[in-house]
Amino acid sequence: MKHRPNTLILLALLAVGGAAHADTLLVERAQQTANVAQPARGLSMGEVEARFGAPQEKLDPRGGQKRQWPTINRWVYPDFIVYFEKNKVIDVVARQATAQEVGPKPPIR
């Protein structure tokens, strides 16, 4: 009976360690690939396409219903998604690479 709590603790630690080891966090991949070129904030759509080529997909614009809600365009590339306000880059977000990777969900279409 004395060894049972220690055994349960050991099994719990092994289970947690195994699960954590199997998953790759998107943040970890982003840190490893920090040197990969991405569009800089403020670039125009034309500059992004000239430097990075045509996107895999141009998602439908969102917003724009009111003047204070600008239209946001999203371009999908293999490693990242570029967000534009009007014609300028406002953000770049890394994409989830595999089903085992823990990160943001795919973009809403």
PDB file of N, CA and C in Angstrom:
ATOM      1  N   MET A   1       0.805  -1.195   0.000  1.00  0.00           N
ATOM      2  CA  MET A   1       0.000   0.000   0.000  1.00  0.00           C
ATOM      3  C   MET A   1       0.848   1.258   0.000  1.00  0.00           C
ATOM      4  N   LYS A   2       2.015   1.183   0.595  1.00  0.00           N
ATOM      5  CA  LYS A   2       2.874   2.345   0.706  1.00  0.00           C
ATOM      6  C   LYS A   2       3.390   2.801  -0.663  1.00  0.00           C
ATOM      7  N   HIS A   3       3.594   1.877  -1.582  1.00  0.00           N
ATOM      8  CA  HIS A   3       4.161   2.193  -2.892  1.00  0.00           C
ATOM      9  C   HIS A   3       3.112   2.663  -3.898  1.00  0.00           C
ATOM     10  N   ARG A   4       1.860   2.459  -3.611  1.00  0.00           N
ATOM     11  CA  ARG A   4       0.810   2.786  -4.568  1.00  0.00           C
ATOM     12  C   ARG A   4       0.762   4.279  -4.919  1.00  0.00           C
ATOM     13  N   PRO A   5       0.789   5.228  -3.967  1.00  0.00           N
ATOM     14  CA  PRO A   5       0.766   6.654  -4.350  1.00  0.00           C
ATOM     15  C   PRO A   5       1.969   7.036  -5.218  1.00  0.00           C
ATOM     16  N   ASN A   6       3.141   6.501  -4.927  1.00  0.00           N
ATOM     17  CA  ASN A   6       4.315   6.801  -5.746  1.00  0.00           C
ATOM     18  C   ASN A   6       4.147   6.274  -7.162  1.00  0.00           C
ATOM     19  N   THR A   7       3.565   5.113  -7.310  1.00  0.00           N
ATOM     20  CA  THR A   7       3.334   4.524  -8.627  1.00  0.00           C
ATOM     21  C   THR A   7       2.354   5.384  -9.420  1.00  0.00           C
ATOM     22  N   LEU A   8       1.285   5.838  -8.770  1.00  0.00           N
ATOM     23  CA  LEU A   8       0.306   6.690  -9.448  1.00  0.00           C
ATOM     24  C   LEU A   8       0.934   8.006  -9.891  1.00  0.00           C
ATOM     25  N   ILE A   9       1.758   8.584  -9.057  1.00  0.00           N
ATOM     26  CA  ILE A   9       2.431   9.832  -9.416  1.00  0.00           C
ATOM     27  C   ILE A   9       3.351   9.609 -10.604  1.00  0.00           C
ATOM     28  N   LEU A  10       4.093   8.522 -10.579  1.00  0.00           N
ATOM     29  CA  LEU A  10       5.006   8.206 -11.685  1.00  0.00           C
ATOM     30  C   LEU A  10       4.239   8.007 -12.984  1.00  0.00           C
ATOM     31  N   LEU A  11       3.150   7.271 -12.925  1.00  0.00           N
ATOM     32  CA  LEU A  11       2.340   7.049 -14.135  1.00  0.00           C
ATOM     33  C   LEU A  11       1.760   8.366 -14.662  1.00  0.00           C
ATOM     34  N   ALA A  12       1.305   9.221 -13.758  1.00  0.00           N
ATOM     35  CA  ALA A  12       0.758  10.516 -14.174  1.00  0.00           C
ATOM     36  C   ALA A  12       1.829  11.369 -14.842  1.00  0.00           C
ATOM     37  N   LEU A  13       3.024  11.379 -14.290  1.00  0.00           N
ATOM     38  CA  LEU A  13       4.119  12.153 -14.884  1.00  0.00           C
ATOM     39  C   LEU A  13       4.506  11.620 -16.256  1.00  0.00           C
ATOM     40  N   LEU A  14       4.525  10.314 -16.401  1.00  0.00           N
ATOM     41  CA  LEU A  14       4.848   9.716 -17.699  1.00  0.00           C
ATOM     42  C   LEU A  14       3.794  10.058 -18.740  1.00  0.00           C
ATOM     43  N   ALA A  15       2.529  10.039 -18.337  1.00  0.00           N
ATOM     44  CA  ALA A  15       1.447  10.366 -19.268  1.00  0.00           C
ATOM     45  C   ALA A  15       1.539  11.816 -19.722  1.00  0.00           C
ATOM     46  N   VAL A  16       1.783  12.722 -18.787  1.00  0.00           N
ATOM     47  CA  VAL A  16       1.904  14.142 -19.124  1.00  0.00           C
ATOM     48  C   VAL A  16       3.132  14.373 -19.985  1.00  0.00           C
ATOM     49  N   GLY A  17       4.235  13.780 -19.639  1.00  0.00           N
ATOM     50  CA  GLY A  17       5.463  13.944 -20.414  1.00  0.00           C
ATOM     51  C   GLY A  17       5.326  13.422 -21.820  1.00  0.00           C
ATOM     52  N   GLY A  18       4.651  12.301 -21.998  1.00  0.00           N
ATOM     53  CA  GLY A  18       4.455  11.733 -23.331  1.00  0.00           C
ATOM     54  C   GLY A  18       3.590  12.614 -24.206  1.00  0.00           C
ATOM     55  N   ALA A  19       2.524  13.162 -23.632  1.00  0.00           N
ATOM     56  CA  ALA A  19       1.634  14.034 -24.399  1.00  0.00           C
ATOM     57  C   ALA A  19       2.345  15.323 -24.783  1.00  0.00           C
ATOM     58  N   ALA A  20       3.095  15.894 -23.877  1.00  0.00           N
ATOM     59  CA  ALA A  20       3.797  17.146 -24.163  1.00  0.00           C
ATOM     60  C   ALA A  20       4.884  16.926 -25.211  1.00  0.00           C
ATOM     61  N   HIS A  21       5.507  15.782 -25.197  1.00  0.00           N
ATOM     62  CA  HIS A  21       6.584  15.500 -26.147  1.00  0.00           C
ATOM     63  C   HIS A  21       6.043  15.291 -27.561  1.00  0.00           C
ATOM     64  N   ALA A  22       4.832  14.774 -27.696  1.00  0.00           N
ATOM     65  CA  ALA A  22       4.273  14.460 -29.002  1.00  0.00           C
ATOM     66  C   ALA A  22       3.829  15.713 -29.756  1.00  0.00           C
ATOM     67  N   ASP A  23       3.395  16.740 -29.044  1.00  0.00           N
ATOM     68  CA  ASP A  23       2.892  17.946 -29.685  1.00  0.00           C
ATOM     69  C   ASP A  23       4.017  18.945 -29.935  1.00  0.00           C
ATOM     70  N   THR A  24       3.890  19.681 -31.029  1.00  0.00           N
ATOM     71  CA  THR A  24       4.796  20.778 -31.324  1.00  0.00           C
ATOM     72  C   THR A  24       3.972  22.051 -31.255  1.00  0.00           C
ATOM     73  N   LEU A  25       4.418  22.988 -30.481  1.00  0.00           N
ATOM     74  CA  LEU A  25       3.712  24.256 -30.410  1.00  0.00           C
ATOM     75  C   LEU A  25       4.070  25.119 -31.605  1.00  0.00           C
ATOM     76  N   LEU A  26       3.091  25.813 -32.136  1.00  0.00           N
ATOM     77  CA  LEU A  26       3.316  26.726 -33.250  1.00  0.00           C
ATOM     78  C   LEU A  26       4.353  27.770 -32.867  1.00  0.00           C
ATOM     79  N   VAL A  27       4.333  28.200 -31.620  1.00  0.00           N
ATOM     80  CA  VAL A  27       5.288  29.195 -31.139  1.00  0.00           C
ATOM     81  C   VAL A  27       6.714  28.664 -31.264  1.00  0.00           C
ATOM     82  N   GLU A  28       6.923  27.391 -30.932  1.00  0.00           N
ATOM     83  CA  GLU A  28       8.252  26.789 -31.042  1.00  0.00           C
ATOM     84  C   GLU A  28       8.725  26.779 -32.494  1.00  0.00           C
ATOM     85  N   ARG A  29       7.826  26.403 -33.414  1.00  0.00           N
ATOM     86  CA  ARG A  29       8.211  26.399 -34.835  1.00  0.00           C
ATOM     87  C   ARG A  29       8.503  27.810 -35.309  1.00  0.00           C
ATOM     88  N   ALA A  30       7.711  28.775 -34.857  1.00  0.00           N
ATOM     89  CA  ALA A  30       7.932  30.167 -35.257  1.00  0.00           C
ATOM     90  C   ALA A  30       9.282  30.666 -34.763  1.00  0.00           C
ATOM     91  N   GLN A  31       9.673  30.266 -33.561  1.00  0.00           N
ATOM     92  CA  GLN A  31      10.979  30.669 -33.036  1.00  0.00           C
ATOM     93  C   GLN A  31      12.111  30.017 -33.820  1.00  0.00           C
ATOM     94  N   GLN A  32      11.926  28.771 -34.236  1.00  0.00           N
ATOM     95  CA  GLN A  32      12.951  28.064 -34.993  1.00  0.00           C
ATOM     96  C   GLN A  32      13.114  28.649 -36.392  1.00  0.00           C
ATOM     97  N   THR A  33      12.036  29.158 -36.952  1.00  0.00           N
ATOM     98  CA  THR A  33      12.074  29.694 -38.313  1.00  0.00           C
ATOM     99  C   THR A  33      11.972  31.214 -38.315  1.00  0.00           C
ATOM    100  N   ALA A  34      12.508  31.850 -37.289  1.00  0.00           N
ATOM    101  CA  ALA A  34      12.412  33.310 -37.181  1.00  0.00           C
ATOM    102  C   ALA A  34      13.115  34.022 -38.328  1.00  0.00           C
ATOM    103  N   ASN A  35      14.062  33.364 -38.961  1.00  0.00           N
ATOM    104  CA  ASN A  35      14.813  33.989 -40.051  1.00  0.00           C
ATOM    105  C   ASN A  35      14.117  33.870 -41.400  1.00  0.00           C
ATOM    106  N   VAL A  36      12.979  33.180 -41.461  1.00  0.00           N
ATOM    107  CA  VAL A  36      12.236  33.043 -42.708  1.00  0.00           C
ATOM    108  C   VAL A  36      11.637  34.401 -43.064  1.00  0.00           C
ATOM    109  N   ALA A  37      11.808  34.814 -44.293  1.00  0.00           N
ATOM    110  CA  ALA A  37      11.308  36.122 -44.737  1.00  0.00           C
ATOM    111  C   ALA A  37       9.782  36.161 -44.695  1.00  0.00           C
ATOM    112  N   GLN A  38       9.266  37.244 -44.163  1.00  0.00           N
ATOM    113  CA  GLN A  38       7.832  37.504 -44.134  1.00  0.00           C
ATOM    114  C   GLN A  38       7.606  38.960 -44.507  1.00  0.00           C
ATOM    115  N   PRO A  39       6.418  39.278 -45.021  1.00  0.00           N
ATOM    116  CA  PRO A  39       6.134  40.665 -45.363  1.00  0.00           C
ATOM    117  C   PRO A  39       6.187  41.568 -44.126  1.00  0.00           C
ATOM    118  N   ALA A  40       6.729  42.741 -44.293  1.00  0.00           N
ATOM    119  CA  ALA A  40       6.816  43.716 -43.201  1.00  0.00           C
ATOM    120  C   ALA A  40       5.550  44.566 -43.171  1.00  0.00           C
ATOM    121  N   ARG A  41       5.214  45.022 -41.985  1.00  0.00           N
ATOM    122  CA  ARG A  41       4.067  45.903 -41.822  1.00  0.00           C
ATOM    123  C   ARG A  41       4.261  47.151 -42.673  1.00  0.00           C
ATOM    124  N   GLY A  42       3.202  47.555 -43.377  1.00  0.00           N
ATOM    125  CA  GLY A  42       3.252  48.764 -44.186  1.00  0.00           C
ATOM    126  C   GLY A  42       3.496  48.527 -45.665  1.00  0.00           C
ATOM    127  N   LEU A  43       3.922  47.316 -46.050  1.00  0.00           N
ATOM    128  CA  LEU A  43       4.115  47.034 -47.472  1.00  0.00           C
ATOM    129  C   LEU A  43       2.768  47.043 -48.192  1.00  0.00           C
ATOM    130  N   SER A  44       2.779  47.416 -49.452  1.00  0.00           N
ATOM    131  CA  SER A  44       1.543  47.405 -50.231  1.00  0.00           C
ATOM    132  C   SER A  44       1.294  46.000 -50.772  1.00  0.00           C
ATOM    133  N   MET A  45       0.080  45.765 -51.259  1.00  0.00           N
ATOM    134  CA  MET A  45      -0.252  44.464 -51.855  1.00  0.00           C
ATOM    135  C   MET A  45       0.667  44.155 -53.029  1.00  0.00           C
ATOM    136  N   GLY A  46       0.951  45.157 -53.830  1.00  0.00           N
ATOM    137  CA  GLY A  46       1.836  44.969 -54.980  1.00  0.00           C
ATOM    138  C   GLY A  46       3.245  44.582 -54.563  1.00  0.00           C
ATOM    139  N   GLU A  47       3.758  45.229 -53.510  1.00  0.00           N
ATOM    140  CA  GLU A  47       5.099  44.914 -53.019  1.00  0.00           C
ATOM    141  C   GLU A  47       5.166  43.492 -52.458  1.00  0.00           C
ATOM    142  N   VAL A  48       4.114  43.079 -51.745  1.00  0.00           N
ATOM    143  CA  VAL A  48       4.079  41.717 -51.196  1.00  0.00           C
ATOM    144  C   VAL A  48       4.078  40.705 -52.333  1.00  0.00           C
ATOM    145  N   GLU A  49       3.257  40.931 -53.336  1.00  0.00           N
ATOM    146  CA  GLU A  49       3.188  39.984 -54.458  1.00  0.00           C
ATOM    147  C   GLU A  49       4.492  39.972 -55.244  1.00  0.00           C
ATOM    148  N   ALA A  50       5.148  41.115 -55.382  1.00  0.00           N
ATOM    149  CA  ALA A  50       6.427  41.166 -56.100  1.00  0.00           C
ATOM    150  C   ALA A  50       7.520  40.409 -55.346  1.00  0.00           C
ATOM    151  N   ARG A  51       7.541  40.509 -54.016  1.00  0.00           N
ATOM    152  CA  ARG A  51       8.594  39.866 -53.209  1.00  0.00           C
ATOM    153  C   ARG A  51       8.332  38.404 -52.897  1.00  0.00           C
ATOM    154  N   PHE A  52       7.043  38.035 -52.706  1.00  0.00           N
ATOM    155  CA  PHE A  52       6.708  36.687 -52.240  1.00  0.00           C
ATOM    156  C   PHE A  52       5.921  35.871 -53.250  1.00  0.00           C
ATOM    157  N   GLY A  53       5.621  36.458 -54.395  1.00  0.00           N
ATOM    158  CA  GLY A  53       4.862  35.748 -55.413  1.00  0.00           C
ATOM    159  C   GLY A  53       3.368  35.821 -55.136  1.00  0.00           C
ATOM    160  N   ALA A  54       2.620  35.193 -56.025  1.00  0.00           N
ATOM    161  CA  ALA A  54       1.167  35.181 -55.872  1.00  0.00           C
ATOM    162  C   ALA A  54       0.786  34.294 -54.689  1.00  0.00           C
ATOM    163  N   PRO A  55      -0.219  34.688 -53.919  1.00  0.00           N
ATOM    164  CA  PRO A  55      -0.644  33.847 -52.793  1.00  0.00           C
ATOM    165  C   PRO A  55      -1.321  32.579 -53.292  1.00  0.00           C
ATOM    166  N   GLN A  56      -1.350  31.558 -52.427  1.00  0.00           N
ATOM    167  CA  GLN A  56      -2.070  30.329 -52.755  1.00  0.00           C
ATOM    168  C   GLN A  56      -3.556  30.612 -52.893  1.00  0.00           C
ATOM    169  N   GLU A  57      -4.019  31.546 -52.069  1.00  0.00           N
ATOM    170  CA  GLU A  57      -5.441  31.852 -52.052  1.00  0.00           C
ATOM    171  C   GLU A  57      -5.641  33.272 -51.538  1.00  0.00           C
ATOM    172  N   LYS A  58      -6.613  33.958 -52.120  1.00  0.00           N
ATOM    173  CA  LYS A  58      -7.034  35.267 -51.618  1.00  0.00           C
ATOM    174  C   LYS A  58      -8.421  35.061 -51.033  1.00  0.00           C
ATOM    175  N   LEU A  59      -8.504  35.168 -49.705  1.00  0.00           N
ATOM    176  CA  LEU A  59      -9.781  34.949 -49.025  1.00  0.00           C
ATOM    177  C   LEU A  59     -10.695  36.150 -49.211  1.00  0.00           C
ATOM    178  N   ASP A  60     -11.983  35.915 -49.052  1.00  0.00           N
ATOM    179  CA  ASP A  60     -12.962  36.993 -49.184  1.00  0.00           C
ATOM    180  C   ASP A  60     -12.677  38.098 -48.167  1.00  0.00           C
ATOM    181  N   PRO A  61     -12.821  39.368 -48.586  1.00  0.00           N
ATOM    182  CA  PRO A  61     -12.607  40.478 -47.653  1.00  0.00           C
ATOM    183  C   PRO A  61     -13.622  40.446 -46.516  1.00  0.00           C
ATOM    184  N   ARG A  62     -13.216  40.977 -45.370  1.00  0.00           N
ATOM    185  CA  ARG A  62     -14.092  41.083 -44.198  1.00  0.00           C
ATOM    186  C   ARG A  62     -14.152  42.543 -43.771  1.00  0.00           C
ATOM    187  N   GLY A  63     -15.266  42.919 -43.152  1.00  0.00           N
ATOM    188  CA  GLY A  63     -15.418  44.282 -42.663  1.00  0.00           C
ATOM    189  C   GLY A  63     -15.897  45.224 -43.755  1.00  0.00           C
ATOM    190  N   GLY A  64     -15.743  46.530 -43.498  1.00  0.00           N
ATOM    191  CA  GLY A  64     -16.121  47.537 -44.473  1.00  0.00           C
ATOM    192  C   GLY A  64     -17.581  47.948 -44.431  1.00  0.00           C
ATOM    193  N   GLN A  65     -18.349  47.412 -43.479  1.00  0.00           N
ATOM    194  CA  GLN A  65     -19.771  47.761 -43.429  1.00  0.00           C
ATOM    195  C   GLN A  65     -19.976  49.220 -43.003  1.00  0.00           C
ATOM    196  N   LYS A  66     -19.063  49.732 -42.195  1.00  0.00           N
ATOM    197  CA  LYS A  66     -19.123  51.120 -41.761  1.00  0.00           C
ATOM    198  C   LYS A  66     -17.770  51.763 -42.018  1.00  0.00           C
ATOM    199  N   ARG A  67     -17.773  53.077 -42.034  1.00  0.00           N
ATOM    200  CA  ARG A  67     -16.529  53.802 -42.299  1.00  0.00           C
ATOM    201  C   ARG A  67     -15.438  53.470 -41.269  1.00  0.00           C
ATOM    202  N   GLN A  68     -15.827  53.309 -39.996  1.00  0.00           N
ATOM    203  CA  GLN A  68     -14.847  53.031 -38.949  1.00  0.00           C
ATOM    204  C   GLN A  68     -14.421  51.555 -38.924  1.00  0.00           C
ATOM    205  N   TRP A  69     -15.001  50.710 -39.764  1.00  0.00           N
ATOM    206  CA  TRP A  69     -14.611  49.305 -39.877  1.00  0.00           C
ATOM    207  C   TRP A  69     -13.959  49.104 -41.248  1.00  0.00           C
ATOM    208  N   PRO A  70     -12.655  49.220 -41.342  1.00  0.00           N
ATOM    209  CA  PRO A  70     -12.007  49.098 -42.651  1.00  0.00           C
ATOM    210  C   PRO A  70     -12.116  47.675 -43.205  1.00  0.00           C
ATOM    211  N   THR A  71     -12.034  47.574 -44.495  1.00  0.00           N
ATOM    212  CA  THR A  71     -12.035  46.271 -45.150  1.00  0.00           C
ATOM    213  C   THR A  71     -10.686  45.600 -44.915  1.00  0.00           C
ATOM    214  N   ILE A  72     -10.715  44.341 -44.480  1.00  0.00           N
ATOM    215  CA  ILE A  72      -9.512  43.556 -44.234  1.00  0.00           C
ATOM    216  C   ILE A  72      -9.430  42.459 -45.290  1.00  0.00           C
ATOM    217  N   ASN A  73      -8.334  42.446 -46.034  1.00  0.00           N
ATOM    218  CA  ASN A  73      -8.075  41.391 -47.015  1.00  0.00           C
ATOM    219  C   ASN A  73      -7.062  40.423 -46.443  1.00  0.00           C
ATOM    220  N   ARG A  74      -7.193  39.126 -46.795  1.00  0.00           N
ATOM    221  CA  ARG A  74      -6.289  38.099 -46.285  1.00  0.00           C
ATOM    222  C   ARG A  74      -5.762  37.276 -47.445  1.00  0.00           C
ATOM    223  N   TRP A  75      -4.445  37.168 -47.493  1.00  0.00           N
ATOM    224  CA  TRP A  75      -3.785  36.349 -48.503  1.00  0.00           C
ATOM    225  C   TRP A  75      -3.101  35.183 -47.816  1.00  0.00           C
ATOM    226  N   VAL A  76      -3.320  33.986 -48.339  1.00  0.00           N
ATOM    227  CA  VAL A  76      -2.765  32.771 -47.747  1.00  0.00           C
ATOM    228  C   VAL A  76      -1.529  32.331 -48.521  1.00  0.00           C
ATOM    229  N   TYR A  77      -0.408  32.203 -47.816  1.00  0.00           N
ATOM    230  CA  TYR A  77       0.839  31.655 -48.343  1.00  0.00           C
ATOM    231  C   TYR A  77       1.118  30.343 -47.614  1.00  0.00           C
ATOM    232  N   PRO A  78       2.045  29.525 -48.089  1.00  0.00           N
ATOM    233  CA  PRO A  78       2.293  28.226 -47.446  1.00  0.00           C
ATOM    234  C   PRO A  78       2.629  28.311 -45.951  1.00  0.00           C
ATOM    235  N   ASP A  79       3.397  29.310 -45.531  1.00  0.00           N
ATOM    236  CA  ASP A  79       3.850  29.379 -44.147  1.00  0.00           C
ATOM    237  C   ASP A  79       3.166  30.449 -43.309  1.00  0.00           C
ATOM    238  N   PHE A  80       2.424  31.353 -43.941  1.00  0.00           N
ATOM    239  CA  PHE A  80       1.816  32.449 -43.194  1.00  0.00           C
ATOM    240  C   PHE A  80       0.610  33.010 -43.935  1.00  0.00           C
ATOM    241  N   ILE A  81      -0.181  33.803 -43.198  1.00  0.00           N
ATOM    242  CA  ILE A  81      -1.318  34.527 -43.773  1.00  0.00           C
ATOM    243  C   ILE A  81      -1.040  36.011 -43.580  1.00  0.00           C
ATOM    244  N   VAL A  82      -1.202  36.783 -44.638  1.00  0.00           N
ATOM    245  CA  VAL A  82      -0.957  38.222 -44.593  1.00  0.00           C
ATOM    246  C   VAL A  82      -2.311  38.937 -44.515  1.00  0.00           C
ATOM    247  N   TYR A  83      -2.415  39.862 -43.555  1.00  0.00           N
ATOM    248  CA  TYR A  83      -3.625  40.659 -43.368  1.00  0.00           C
ATOM    249  C   TYR A  83      -3.358  42.077 -43.843  1.00  0.00           C
ATOM    250  N   PHE A  84      -4.257  42.586 -44.686  1.00  0.00           N
ATOM    251  CA  PHE A  84      -4.136  43.932 -45.235  1.00  0.00           C
ATOM    252  C   PHE A  84      -5.315  44.782 -44.778  1.00  0.00           C
ATOM    253  N   GLU A  85      -5.041  46.030 -44.413  1.00  0.00           N
ATOM    254  CA  GLU A  85      -6.087  47.024 -44.229  1.00  0.00           C
ATOM    255  C   GLU A  85      -5.986  47.933 -45.429  1.00  0.00           C
ATOM    256  N   LYS A  86      -7.058  47.968 -46.189  1.00  0.00           N
ATOM    257  CA  LYS A  86      -7.038  48.625 -47.494  1.00  0.00           C
ATOM    258  C   LYS A  86      -5.953  47.971 -48.339  1.00  0.00           C
ATOM    259  N   ASN A  87      -4.841  48.654 -48.607  1.00  0.00           N
ATOM    260  CA  ASN A  87      -3.796  48.121 -49.480  1.00  0.00           C
ATOM    261  C   ASN A  87      -2.494  47.835 -48.723  1.00  0.00           C
ATOM    262  N   LYS A  88      -2.462  48.000 -47.397  1.00  0.00           N
ATOM    263  CA  LYS A  88      -1.218  47.894 -46.631  1.00  0.00           C
ATOM    264  C   LYS A  88      -1.237  46.719 -45.659  1.00  0.00           C
ATOM    265  N   VAL A  89      -0.064  46.075 -45.490  1.00  0.00           N
ATOM    266  CA  VAL A  89       0.076  44.975 -44.536  1.00  0.00           C
ATOM    267  C   VAL A  89      -0.083  45.516 -43.122  1.00  0.00           C
ATOM    268  N   ILE A  90      -0.959  44.861 -42.342  1.00  0.00           N
ATOM    269  CA  ILE A  90      -1.102  45.225 -40.931  1.00  0.00           C
ATOM    270  C   ILE A  90      -0.623  44.108 -40.009  1.00  0.00           C
ATOM    271  N   ASP A  91      -0.581  42.857 -40.524  1.00  0.00           N
ATOM    272  CA  ASP A  91      -0.119  41.744 -39.690  1.00  0.00           C
ATOM    273  C   ASP A  91       0.196  40.538 -40.563  1.00  0.00           C
ATOM    274  N   VAL A  92       1.069  39.672 -40.034  1.00  0.00           N
ATOM    275  CA  VAL A  92       1.407  38.397 -40.671  1.00  0.00           C
ATOM    276  C   VAL A  92       1.331  37.345 -39.581  1.00  0.00           C
ATOM    277  N   VAL A  93       0.613  36.248 -39.845  1.00  0.00           N
ATOM    278  CA  VAL A  93       0.406  35.200 -38.850  1.00  0.00           C
ATOM    279  C   VAL A  93       0.879  33.868 -39.422  1.00  0.00           C
ATOM    280  N   ALA A  94       1.672  33.121 -38.636  1.00  0.00           N
ATOM    281  CA  ALA A  94       2.151  31.801 -39.056  1.00  0.00           C
ATOM    282  C   ALA A  94       0.978  30.831 -39.157  1.00  0.00           C
ATOM    283  N   ARG A  95       1.061  29.918 -40.123  1.00  0.00           N
ATOM    284  CA  ARG A  95       0.015  28.914 -40.304  1.00  0.00           C
ATOM    285  C   ARG A  95       0.360  27.641 -39.555  1.00  0.00           C
ATOM    286  N   GLN A  96      -0.663  26.891 -39.191  1.00  0.00           N
ATOM    287  CA  GLN A  96      -0.481  25.590 -38.558  1.00  0.00           C
ATOM    288  C   GLN A  96       0.052  24.632 -39.610  1.00  0.00           C
ATOM    289  N   ALA A  97       1.138  23.921 -39.294  1.00  0.00           N
ATOM    290  CA  ALA A  97       1.791  23.062 -40.273  1.00  0.00           C
ATOM    291  C   ALA A  97       1.212  21.659 -40.336  1.00  0.00           C
ATOM    292  N   THR A  98       0.946  21.049 -39.190  1.00  0.00           N
ATOM    293  CA  THR A  98       0.475  19.670 -39.165  1.00  0.00           C
ATOM    294  C   THR A  98      -0.658  19.533 -38.162  1.00  0.00           C
ATOM    295  N   ALA A  99      -1.340  18.395 -38.212  1.00  0.00           N
ATOM    296  CA  ALA A  99      -2.431  18.144 -37.274  1.00  0.00           C
ATOM    297  C   ALA A  99      -1.919  18.006 -35.846  1.00  0.00           C
ATOM    298  N   GLN A 100      -0.650  17.599 -35.667  1.00  0.00           N
ATOM    299  CA  GLN A 100      -0.084  17.436 -34.334  1.00  0.00           C
ATOM    300  C   GLN A 100       0.377  18.759 -33.731  1.00  0.00           C
ATOM    301  N   GLU A 101       0.478  19.778 -34.541  1.00  0.00           N
ATOM    302  CA  GLU A 101       0.959  21.062 -34.056  1.00  0.00           C
ATOM    303  C   GLU A 101      -0.172  21.826 -33.385  1.00  0.00           C
ATOM    304  N   VAL A 102       0.102  22.390 -32.246  1.00  0.00           N
ATOM    305  CA  VAL A 102      -0.897  23.145 -31.508  1.00  0.00           C
ATOM    306  C   VAL A 102      -0.745  24.607 -31.887  1.00  0.00           C
ATOM    307  N   GLY A 103      -1.774  25.183 -32.442  1.00  0.00           N
ATOM    308  CA  GLY A 103      -1.688  26.571 -32.871  1.00  0.00           C
ATOM    309  C   GLY A 103      -3.061  27.081 -33.290  1.00  0.00           C
ATOM    310  N   PRO A 104      -3.089  28.212 -34.000  1.00  0.00           N
ATOM    311  CA  PRO A 104      -4.392  28.798 -34.377  1.00  0.00           C
ATOM    312  C   PRO A 104      -5.150  27.906 -35.347  1.00  0.00           C
ATOM    313  N   LYS A 105      -6.456  28.053 -35.302  1.00  0.00           N
ATOM    314  CA  LYS A 105      -7.312  27.299 -36.209  1.00  0.00           C
ATOM    315  C   LYS A 105      -7.179  27.881 -37.616  1.00  0.00           C
ATOM    316  N   PRO A 106      -7.538  27.107 -38.656  1.00  0.00           N
ATOM    317  CA  PRO A 106      -7.497  27.642 -40.020  1.00  0.00           C
ATOM    318  C   PRO A 106      -8.391  28.873 -40.138  1.00  0.00           C
ATOM    319  N   PRO A 107      -8.109  29.766 -41.092  1.00  0.00           N
ATOM    320  CA  PRO A 107      -8.911  30.991 -41.222  1.00  0.00           C
ATOM    321  C   PRO A 107     -10.352  30.681 -41.605  1.00  0.00           C
ATOM    322  N   ILE A 108     -11.253  31.520 -41.149  1.00  0.00           N
ATOM    323  CA  ILE A 108     -12.666  31.399 -41.509  1.00  0.00           C
ATOM    324  C   ILE A 108     -12.818  31.877 -42.945  1.00  0.00           C
ATOM    325  N   ARG A 109     -13.474  31.110 -43.734  1.00  0.00           N
ATOM    326  CA  ARG A 109     -13.627  31.453 -45.164  1.00  0.00           C
ATOM    327  C   ARG A 109     -14.898  32.188 -45.424  1.00  0.00           C
TER     328      ARG A 109
END
